[in-house]
C-alpha cells in the first residue's frame, strides 16, 4: 500500500485534531511531504511532516491519527533524525 493512495479511518474528533495540528505546524514552518488532507467523513490521509519543532502542537499534544512529525537535530557534525509521537500503522509509510 502506498502512502499516496492511503486513507485512514479515525474518530471524527481526532480528524479535527489532526487537521488542526497539521495547520499549526505548517503555519510555524513545517512542510507536508506526504498526505495532509482531510477526506470525507472520518478519513484522513497519512501525513509526513518535515521540519517540526518542539513549539508545534503536533509535538506537544498526543496525536490520535496518522501524523508523523520529524525533527532534525545535529550533534557533533552528524545529522540525526528523531521521530516523535507516532500513532500510525507501519504499512502507511512503506
Protein backbone atom coordinates (compact mmCIF):
# COMPACT_ATOMS: atom_id res chain seq x y z
CA UNK A 1 0.00 0.00 0.00
CA UNK A 2 1.48 3.34 -0.97
CA UNK A 3 1.03 6.49 1.05
CA UNK A 4 -0.40 8.35 -1.92
CA UNK A 5 -3.39 6.01 -2.14
CA UNK A 6 -3.93 5.59 1.59
CA UNK A 7 -6.70 6.87 3.75
CA UNK A 8 -7.22 6.08 7.39
CA UNK A 9 -10.49 5.88 9.29
CA UNK A 10 -10.22 7.64 12.66
CA UNK A 11 -12.80 9.02 15.13
CA UNK A 12 -14.36 12.32 13.98
CA UNK A 13 -12.93 14.39 16.87
CA UNK A 14 -9.47 13.05 16.02
CA UNK A 15 -9.80 14.13 12.37
CA UNK A 16 -10.36 17.71 13.52
CA UNK A 17 -7.47 17.50 15.98
CA UNK A 18 -5.02 16.11 13.40
CA UNK A 19 -6.09 18.70 10.81
CA UNK A 20 -5.56 21.45 13.41
CA UNK A 21 -2.11 20.09 14.32
CA UNK A 22 -1.09 19.98 10.65
CA UNK A 23 -2.33 23.55 10.10
CA UNK A 24 -0.47 24.75 13.20
CA UNK A 25 2.77 23.03 12.14
CA UNK A 26 2.63 24.43 8.60
CA UNK A 27 1.96 27.94 9.93
CA UNK A 28 5.11 27.59 12.06
CA UNK A 29 7.35 26.42 9.21
CA UNK A 30 6.87 22.65 8.84
CA UNK A 31 6.45 21.19 5.37
CA UNK A 32 3.96 18.50 4.42
CA UNK A 33 5.98 15.90 2.49
CA UNK A 34 3.13 13.41 2.01
CA UNK A 35 -0.60 13.41 2.69
CA UNK A 36 -2.02 16.11 4.91
CA UNK A 37 -5.54 16.20 3.58
CA UNK A 38 -8.76 15.67 5.44
CA UNK A 39 -11.00 13.40 3.40
CA UNK A 40 -14.75 12.68 3.52
CA UNK A 41 -16.23 11.67 6.86
CA UNK A 42 -13.75 10.28 9.36
CA UNK A 43 -10.97 9.68 6.86
CA UNK A 44 -7.57 11.36 6.86
CA UNK A 45 -4.55 10.91 4.62
CA UNK A 46 -1.46 9.63 6.47
CA UNK A 47 0.74 12.70 6.85
CA UNK A 48 4.51 13.11 6.97
CA UNK A 49 5.72 16.48 8.28
CA UNK A 50 9.33 17.65 7.94
CA UNK A 51 10.86 20.46 9.93
CA UNK A 52 8.77 20.01 13.06
CA UNK A 53 9.85 21.88 16.18
CA UNK A 54 9.02 21.49 19.84
CA UNK A 55 6.88 24.64 19.58
CA UNK A 56 4.29 22.93 17.38
CA UNK A 57 1.09 21.36 18.71
CA UNK A 58 1.92 18.07 16.99
CA UNK A 59 4.95 17.83 19.28
CA UNK A 60 3.18 18.97 22.44
CA UNK A 61 -0.11 17.08 22.21
CA UNK A 62 -0.83 13.41 21.83
CA UNK A 63 -1.98 12.67 18.30
CA UNK A 64 -4.74 10.12 17.68
CA UNK A 65 -4.32 9.85 13.95
CA UNK A 66 -1.96 9.23 11.04
CA UNK A 67 0.52 12.06 11.63
CA UNK A 68 4.30 11.64 11.67
CA UNK A 69 6.25 14.80 12.57
CA UNK A 70 10.03 14.64 12.08
CA UNK A 71 12.55 16.85 13.89
CA UNK A 72 16.04 17.32 12.54
CA UNK A 73 18.85 17.65 15.05
CA UNK A 74 22.57 17.95 14.50
CA UNK A 75 25.07 16.63 17.04
CA UNK A 76 28.85 16.72 16.64
CA UNK A 77 28.51 17.38 12.92
CA UNK A 78 26.36 14.32 12.31
CA UNK A 79 22.74 14.75 11.26
CA UNK A 80 20.23 12.58 13.05
CA UNK A 81 16.51 12.43 12.70
CA UNK A 82 14.16 11.88 15.59
CA UNK A 83 10.61 10.71 15.12
CA UNK A 84 8.23 11.65 17.91
CA UNK A 85 4.60 10.86 18.79
CA UNK A 86 3.91 8.19 16.21
CA UNK A 87 0.47 6.64 16.21
CA UNK A 88 0.40 5.20 12.72
CA UNK A 89 0.23 1.80 11.14
CA UNK A 90 3.65 0.59 9.93
CA UNK A 91 2.27 -0.07 6.45
CA UNK A 92 1.26 3.56 5.87
CA UNK A 93 4.79 4.69 5.17
CA UNK A 94 6.09 1.66 3.30
